[in-house]
Amino acid sequence: MRFTGARKAGPEMSEFHEVVASPGVLAADRFEPDGRVAEHKSPGLHIANPALTRMAQWFCAAITTMFSSMAYAVDIAEQSGFDESGWLPLRSWAYSGHAYVGAVHGDRLLIAERGQA
C-alpha cells in the first residue's frame, strides 16, 4: 500500500496501537514531563490497574533520574579526557526479570512478557 496523503475519517491511531498488537506486549505508555501518564494503550480486553500504572510511572521516573545522576557523576569523576557524549544525555534503559521485561526510551514505556517479546 502506498501513502497518498489522504487520511481516513475517524479517530487518529497512536503509534502504540501497532506496538500493543505485538505478541507478549502488555502495555505501552507515554509520560508527561512531570511524570504523569499522558497516553496508555494495552491489547485487547486488558484493563489497566490504575494503582499499578501509577507505581510503574514513579518507578520509571526514579530509575531514569538515578541513571541520569550516575552518568553525570561518571562525567564529573573522569573530567580528564572522558567523552560525556557517550553517557549524557540518558536516552533509554531496560530491565528484565523472570517473567517480564520493561523498557524506557525517552518518555515511552513498554512492558511485555519476557518469553514473548
N, C-alpha and C. Protein backbone atom coordinates (compact mmCIF):
# COMPACT_ATOMS: atom_id res chain seq x y z
N MET A 1 0.84 -1.18 0.00
CA MET A 1 0.00 0.00 0.00
C MET A 1 0.88 1.23 0.00
N ARG A 2 0.50 2.19 -0.77
CA ARG A 2 1.28 3.41 -0.88
C ARG A 2 0.54 4.56 -0.21
N PHE A 3 1.29 5.36 0.55
CA PHE A 3 0.69 6.51 1.21
C PHE A 3 0.44 7.60 0.19
N THR A 4 -0.80 8.03 0.11
CA THR A 4 -1.16 9.04 -0.88
C THR A 4 -1.37 10.42 -0.26
N GLY A 5 -1.31 10.48 1.06
CA GLY A 5 -1.53 11.77 1.72
C GLY A 5 -2.97 11.92 2.19
N ALA A 6 -3.88 11.11 1.67
CA ALA A 6 -5.27 11.17 2.12
C ALA A 6 -5.40 10.44 3.45
N ARG A 7 -6.22 10.99 4.33
CA ARG A 7 -6.43 10.37 5.64
C ARG A 7 -7.83 9.81 5.73
N LYS A 8 -7.95 8.69 6.40
CA LYS A 8 -9.27 8.10 6.63
C LYS A 8 -9.99 8.91 7.69
N ALA A 9 -11.29 8.95 7.58
CA ALA A 9 -12.09 9.63 8.59
C ALA A 9 -12.10 8.77 9.85
N GLY A 10 -12.24 9.40 11.00
CA GLY A 10 -12.29 8.66 12.25
C GLY A 10 -11.15 9.05 13.16
N PRO A 11 -11.08 8.39 14.33
CA PRO A 11 -10.06 8.75 15.31
C PRO A 11 -8.66 8.43 14.80
N GLU A 12 -7.72 9.29 15.14
CA GLU A 12 -6.33 9.10 14.74
C GLU A 12 -5.73 7.96 15.56
N MET A 13 -4.99 7.08 14.90
CA MET A 13 -4.37 5.96 15.60
C MET A 13 -3.02 6.40 16.15
N SER A 14 -2.75 5.99 17.38
CA SER A 14 -1.48 6.26 18.02
C SER A 14 -0.44 5.25 17.54
N GLU A 15 0.84 5.63 17.67
CA GLU A 15 1.90 4.69 17.35
C GLU A 15 1.83 3.46 18.25
N PHE A 16 1.18 3.58 19.40
CA PHE A 16 1.09 2.47 20.34
C PHE A 16 0.14 1.37 19.89
N HIS A 17 -0.81 1.66 19.01
CA HIS A 17 -1.73 0.63 18.54
C HIS A 17 -0.98 -0.53 17.90
N GLU A 18 0.00 -0.22 17.08
CA GLU A 18 0.80 -1.26 16.42
C GLU A 18 1.68 -1.99 17.44
N VAL A 19 2.24 -1.26 18.39
CA VAL A 19 3.11 -1.87 19.40
C VAL A 19 2.35 -2.87 20.25
N VAL A 20 1.19 -2.49 20.76
CA VAL A 20 0.45 -3.39 21.65
C VAL A 20 -0.16 -4.57 20.90
N ALA A 21 -0.18 -4.51 19.58
CA ALA A 21 -0.66 -5.65 18.80
C ALA A 21 0.40 -6.75 18.68
N SER A 22 1.64 -6.45 19.08
CA SER A 22 2.72 -7.44 19.02
C SER A 22 2.54 -8.50 20.11
N PRO A 23 2.92 -9.75 19.82
CA PRO A 23 2.78 -10.82 20.80
C PRO A 23 3.54 -10.53 22.10
N GLY A 24 2.87 -10.72 23.23
CA GLY A 24 3.51 -10.58 24.53
C GLY A 24 3.50 -9.19 25.11
N VAL A 25 3.16 -8.17 24.33
CA VAL A 25 3.16 -6.80 24.86
C VAL A 25 1.93 -6.61 25.74
N LEU A 26 2.17 -6.14 26.97
CA LEU A 26 1.08 -5.94 27.92
C LEU A 26 0.63 -4.49 27.99
N ALA A 27 1.56 -3.56 27.81
CA ALA A 27 1.20 -2.14 27.90
C ALA A 27 2.26 -1.28 27.26
N ALA A 28 1.82 -0.13 26.77
CA ALA A 28 2.71 0.90 26.25
C ALA A 28 2.19 2.23 26.79
N ASP A 29 3.09 3.03 27.34
CA ASP A 29 2.71 4.30 27.95
C ASP A 29 3.62 5.41 27.47
N ARG A 30 3.09 6.63 27.51
CA ARG A 30 3.88 7.84 27.27
C ARG A 30 3.65 8.73 28.49
N PHE A 31 4.74 9.33 28.97
CA PHE A 31 4.68 10.16 30.16
C PHE A 31 4.82 11.63 29.82
N GLU A 32 4.16 12.47 30.62
CA GLU A 32 4.33 13.92 30.55
C GLU A 32 5.66 14.27 31.21
N PRO A 33 6.20 15.47 30.99
CA PRO A 33 7.45 15.85 31.65
C PRO A 33 7.39 15.78 33.18
N ASP A 34 6.20 15.97 33.76
CA ASP A 34 6.08 15.90 35.22
C ASP A 34 5.87 14.48 35.72
N GLY A 35 5.88 13.49 34.83
CA GLY A 35 5.78 12.09 35.24
C GLY A 35 4.39 11.49 35.11
N ARG A 36 3.37 12.29 34.88
CA ARG A 36 2.02 11.75 34.73
C ARG A 36 1.88 10.98 33.43
N VAL A 37 0.98 9.99 33.42
CA VAL A 37 0.73 9.21 32.21
C VAL A 37 -0.07 10.06 31.23
N ALA A 38 0.51 10.28 30.04
CA ALA A 38 -0.15 11.08 29.01
C ALA A 38 -0.96 10.20 28.07
N GLU A 39 -0.50 8.97 27.88
CA GLU A 39 -1.17 8.04 26.97
C GLU A 39 -0.90 6.62 27.45
N HIS A 40 -1.91 5.78 27.41
CA HIS A 40 -1.76 4.38 27.81
C HIS A 40 -2.52 3.51 26.82
N LYS A 41 -1.87 2.48 26.34
CA LYS A 41 -2.52 1.51 25.46
C LYS A 41 -2.20 0.12 25.97
N SER A 42 -3.17 -0.78 25.86
CA SER A 42 -2.96 -2.18 26.19
C SER A 42 -3.77 -3.01 25.21
N PRO A 43 -3.34 -4.25 24.98
CA PRO A 43 -4.00 -5.07 23.96
C PRO A 43 -5.35 -5.61 24.41
N GLY A 44 -6.23 -5.81 23.46
CA GLY A 44 -7.50 -6.49 23.68
C GLY A 44 -8.29 -5.98 24.85
N LEU A 45 -8.66 -6.90 25.72
CA LEU A 45 -9.50 -6.57 26.86
C LEU A 45 -8.70 -6.34 28.13
N HIS A 46 -7.38 -6.24 28.01
CA HIS A 46 -6.54 -5.98 29.18
C HIS A 46 -6.93 -4.63 29.76
N ILE A 47 -7.32 -4.62 31.03
CA ILE A 47 -7.71 -3.37 31.69
C ILE A 47 -6.60 -2.97 32.65
N ALA A 48 -6.10 -1.78 32.48
CA ALA A 48 -5.00 -1.30 33.32
C ALA A 48 -5.49 -1.08 34.74
N ASN A 49 -4.65 -1.47 35.69
CA ASN A 49 -4.91 -1.22 37.09
C ASN A 49 -4.31 0.15 37.40
N PRO A 50 -5.14 1.15 37.76
CA PRO A 50 -4.63 2.50 37.98
C PRO A 50 -3.50 2.56 39.02
N ALA A 51 -3.60 1.78 40.09
CA ALA A 51 -2.55 1.79 41.11
C ALA A 51 -1.23 1.26 40.54
N LEU A 52 -1.29 0.21 39.74
CA LEU A 52 -0.08 -0.34 39.13
C LEU A 52 0.49 0.61 38.08
N THR A 53 -0.38 1.29 37.36
CA THR A 53 0.08 2.26 36.36
C THR A 53 0.83 3.40 37.05
N ARG A 54 0.30 3.90 38.17
CA ARG A 54 0.99 4.97 38.92
C ARG A 54 2.31 4.46 39.48
N MET A 55 2.33 3.21 39.98
CA MET A 55 3.56 2.65 40.52
C MET A 55 4.62 2.55 39.41
N ALA A 56 4.24 2.07 38.23
CA ALA A 56 5.17 1.97 37.11
C ALA A 56 5.67 3.36 36.72
N GLN A 57 4.78 4.34 36.73
CA GLN A 57 5.13 5.72 36.38
C GLN A 57 6.23 6.24 37.31
N TRP A 58 6.06 6.09 38.61
CA TRP A 58 7.04 6.62 39.55
C TRP A 58 8.31 5.77 39.58
N PHE A 59 8.18 4.47 39.37
CA PHE A 59 9.35 3.60 39.28
C PHE A 59 10.22 4.04 38.10
N CYS A 60 9.62 4.26 36.95
CA CYS A 60 10.37 4.68 35.76
C CYS A 60 11.02 6.04 35.96
N ALA A 61 10.30 6.97 36.59
CA ALA A 61 10.87 8.29 36.85
C ALA A 61 12.07 8.19 37.80
N ALA A 62 11.96 7.36 38.84
CA ALA A 62 13.05 7.21 39.80
C ALA A 62 14.28 6.57 39.16
N ILE A 63 14.09 5.52 38.38
CA ILE A 63 15.21 4.84 37.73
C ILE A 63 15.87 5.76 36.70
N THR A 64 15.07 6.48 35.92
CA THR A 64 15.62 7.39 34.93
C THR A 64 16.45 8.47 35.62
N THR A 65 15.96 9.01 36.72
CA THR A 65 16.70 10.02 37.48
C THR A 65 18.00 9.43 38.02
N MET A 66 17.94 8.19 38.55
CA MET A 66 19.13 7.55 39.08
C MET A 66 20.19 7.36 37.99
N PHE A 67 19.79 6.84 36.84
CA PHE A 67 20.74 6.63 35.75
C PHE A 67 21.32 7.96 35.25
N SER A 68 20.50 8.99 35.16
CA SER A 68 21.00 10.30 34.75
C SER A 68 22.02 10.82 35.75
N SER A 69 21.75 10.64 37.04
CA SER A 69 22.69 11.07 38.08
C SER A 69 23.99 10.29 38.00
N MET A 70 23.90 8.98 37.76
CA MET A 70 25.10 8.16 37.65
C MET A 70 25.94 8.60 36.45
N ALA A 71 25.31 8.88 35.33
CA ALA A 71 26.04 9.31 34.14
C ALA A 71 26.74 10.64 34.40
N TYR A 72 26.05 11.55 35.08
CA TYR A 72 26.65 12.84 35.41
C TYR A 72 27.82 12.65 36.36
N ALA A 73 27.68 11.78 37.37
CA ALA A 73 28.76 11.52 38.33
C ALA A 73 29.99 10.94 37.64
N VAL A 74 29.78 10.01 36.72
CA VAL A 74 30.91 9.44 35.98
C VAL A 74 31.60 10.54 35.17
N ASP A 75 30.83 11.41 34.59
CA ASP A 75 31.39 12.52 33.81
C ASP A 75 32.23 13.43 34.69
N ILE A 76 31.75 13.76 35.87
CA ILE A 76 32.48 14.63 36.79
C ILE A 76 33.77 13.94 37.27
N ALA A 77 33.67 12.65 37.59
CA ALA A 77 34.82 11.91 38.11
C ALA A 77 35.91 11.75 37.06
N GLU A 78 35.55 11.72 35.81
CA GLU A 78 36.50 11.48 34.73
C GLU A 78 36.66 12.70 33.82
N GLN A 79 36.73 13.87 34.40
CA GLN A 79 36.82 15.10 33.61
C GLN A 79 37.96 15.07 32.60
N SER A 80 39.06 14.46 32.95
CA SER A 80 40.21 14.48 32.06
C SER A 80 40.07 13.43 30.97
N GLY A 81 39.69 13.89 29.79
CA GLY A 81 39.63 13.00 28.64
C GLY A 81 38.37 12.17 28.51
N PHE A 82 37.44 12.26 29.44
CA PHE A 82 36.21 11.47 29.35
C PHE A 82 35.26 12.13 28.35
N ASP A 83 34.71 11.35 27.45
CA ASP A 83 33.80 11.87 26.44
C ASP A 83 32.38 11.77 26.96
N GLU A 84 31.83 12.89 27.43
CA GLU A 84 30.49 12.86 28.02
C GLU A 84 29.41 12.49 27.02
N SER A 85 29.69 12.63 25.75
CA SER A 85 28.67 12.29 24.77
C SER A 85 28.37 10.80 24.76
N GLY A 86 29.24 10.00 25.38
CA GLY A 86 29.00 8.57 25.47
C GLY A 86 27.95 8.23 26.52
N TRP A 87 27.75 9.08 27.52
CA TRP A 87 26.81 8.77 28.61
C TRP A 87 25.67 9.76 28.74
N LEU A 88 25.87 10.98 28.31
CA LEU A 88 24.85 12.01 28.51
C LEU A 88 24.34 12.51 27.18
N PRO A 89 23.10 12.82 27.02
CA PRO A 89 22.03 12.62 27.99
C PRO A 89 21.52 11.17 27.97
N LEU A 90 20.92 10.77 29.06
CA LEU A 90 20.33 9.44 29.15
C LEU A 90 19.18 9.34 28.15
N ARG A 91 19.17 8.30 27.34
CA ARG A 91 18.11 8.14 26.34
C ARG A 91 17.19 6.97 26.65
N SER A 92 17.74 5.83 27.06
CA SER A 92 16.91 4.65 27.28
C SER A 92 17.53 3.73 28.31
N TRP A 93 16.69 2.85 28.84
CA TRP A 93 17.15 1.78 29.71
C TRP A 93 16.12 0.66 29.68
N ALA A 94 16.55 -0.54 30.11
CA ALA A 94 15.65 -1.70 30.12
C ALA A 94 15.91 -2.54 31.35
N TYR A 95 14.90 -3.28 31.77
CA TYR A 95 15.01 -4.20 32.90
C TYR A 95 14.31 -5.50 32.52
N SER A 96 14.95 -6.61 32.82
CA SER A 96 14.35 -7.91 32.55
C SER A 96 14.34 -8.72 33.83
N GLY A 97 13.17 -9.17 34.23
CA GLY A 97 13.03 -10.03 35.39
C GLY A 97 12.72 -11.45 34.93
N HIS A 98 12.19 -12.26 35.81
CA HIS A 98 11.90 -13.66 35.49
C HIS A 98 10.87 -13.79 34.37
N ALA A 99 9.76 -13.09 34.50
CA ALA A 99 8.66 -13.27 33.54
C ALA A 99 8.38 -12.05 32.67
N TYR A 100 8.86 -10.88 33.08
CA TYR A 100 8.51 -9.66 32.37
C TYR A 100 9.74 -8.83 32.04
N VAL A 101 9.58 -7.97 31.04
CA VAL A 101 10.63 -7.03 30.66
C VAL A 101 9.99 -5.65 30.53
N GLY A 102 10.74 -4.65 30.96
CA GLY A 102 10.29 -3.28 30.82
C GLY A 102 11.38 -2.49 30.12
N ALA A 103 10.99 -1.59 29.25
CA ALA A 103 11.96 -0.75 28.54
C ALA A 103 11.44 0.67 28.51
N VAL A 104 12.33 1.61 28.76
CA VAL A 104 12.00 3.03 28.71
C VAL A 104 12.91 3.68 27.67
N HIS A 105 12.31 4.46 26.79
CA HIS A 105 13.06 5.25 25.82
C HIS A 105 12.45 6.64 25.82
N GLY A 106 13.19 7.59 26.34
CA GLY A 106 12.66 8.95 26.43
C GLY A 106 11.43 8.98 27.32
N ASP A 107 10.31 9.36 26.74
CA ASP A 107 9.06 9.45 27.52
C ASP A 107 8.15 8.25 27.31
N ARG A 108 8.69 7.15 26.76
CA ARG A 108 7.86 5.98 26.46
C ARG A 108 8.26 4.78 27.30
N LEU A 109 7.28 4.00 27.71
CA LEU A 109 7.48 2.77 28.49
C LEU A 109 6.78 1.63 27.79
N LEU A 110 7.44 0.49 27.74
CA LEU A 110 6.86 -0.73 27.18
C LEU A 110 7.02 -1.83 28.21
N ILE A 111 5.96 -2.57 28.50
CA ILE A 111 6.01 -3.73 29.39
C ILE A 111 5.52 -4.94 28.60
N ALA A 112 6.31 -6.03 28.67
CA ALA A 112 5.97 -7.22 27.89
C ALA A 112 6.34 -8.48 28.66
N GLU A 113 5.74 -9.59 28.23
CA GLU A 113 6.13 -10.89 28.78
C GLU A 113 7.48 -11.27 28.19
N ARG A 114 8.42 -11.64 29.02
CA ARG A 114 9.80 -11.86 28.59
C ARG A 114 9.92 -12.93 27.51
N GLY A 115 9.24 -14.02 27.62
CA GLY A 115 9.35 -15.10 26.65
C GLY A 115 8.65 -14.82 25.33
N GLN A 116 7.84 -13.80 25.27
CA GLN A 116 7.05 -13.50 24.07
C GLN A 116 7.58 -12.35 23.24
N ALA A 117 8.16 -11.37 23.90
CA ALA A 117 8.57 -10.13 23.22
C ALA A 117 9.87 -10.30 22.47
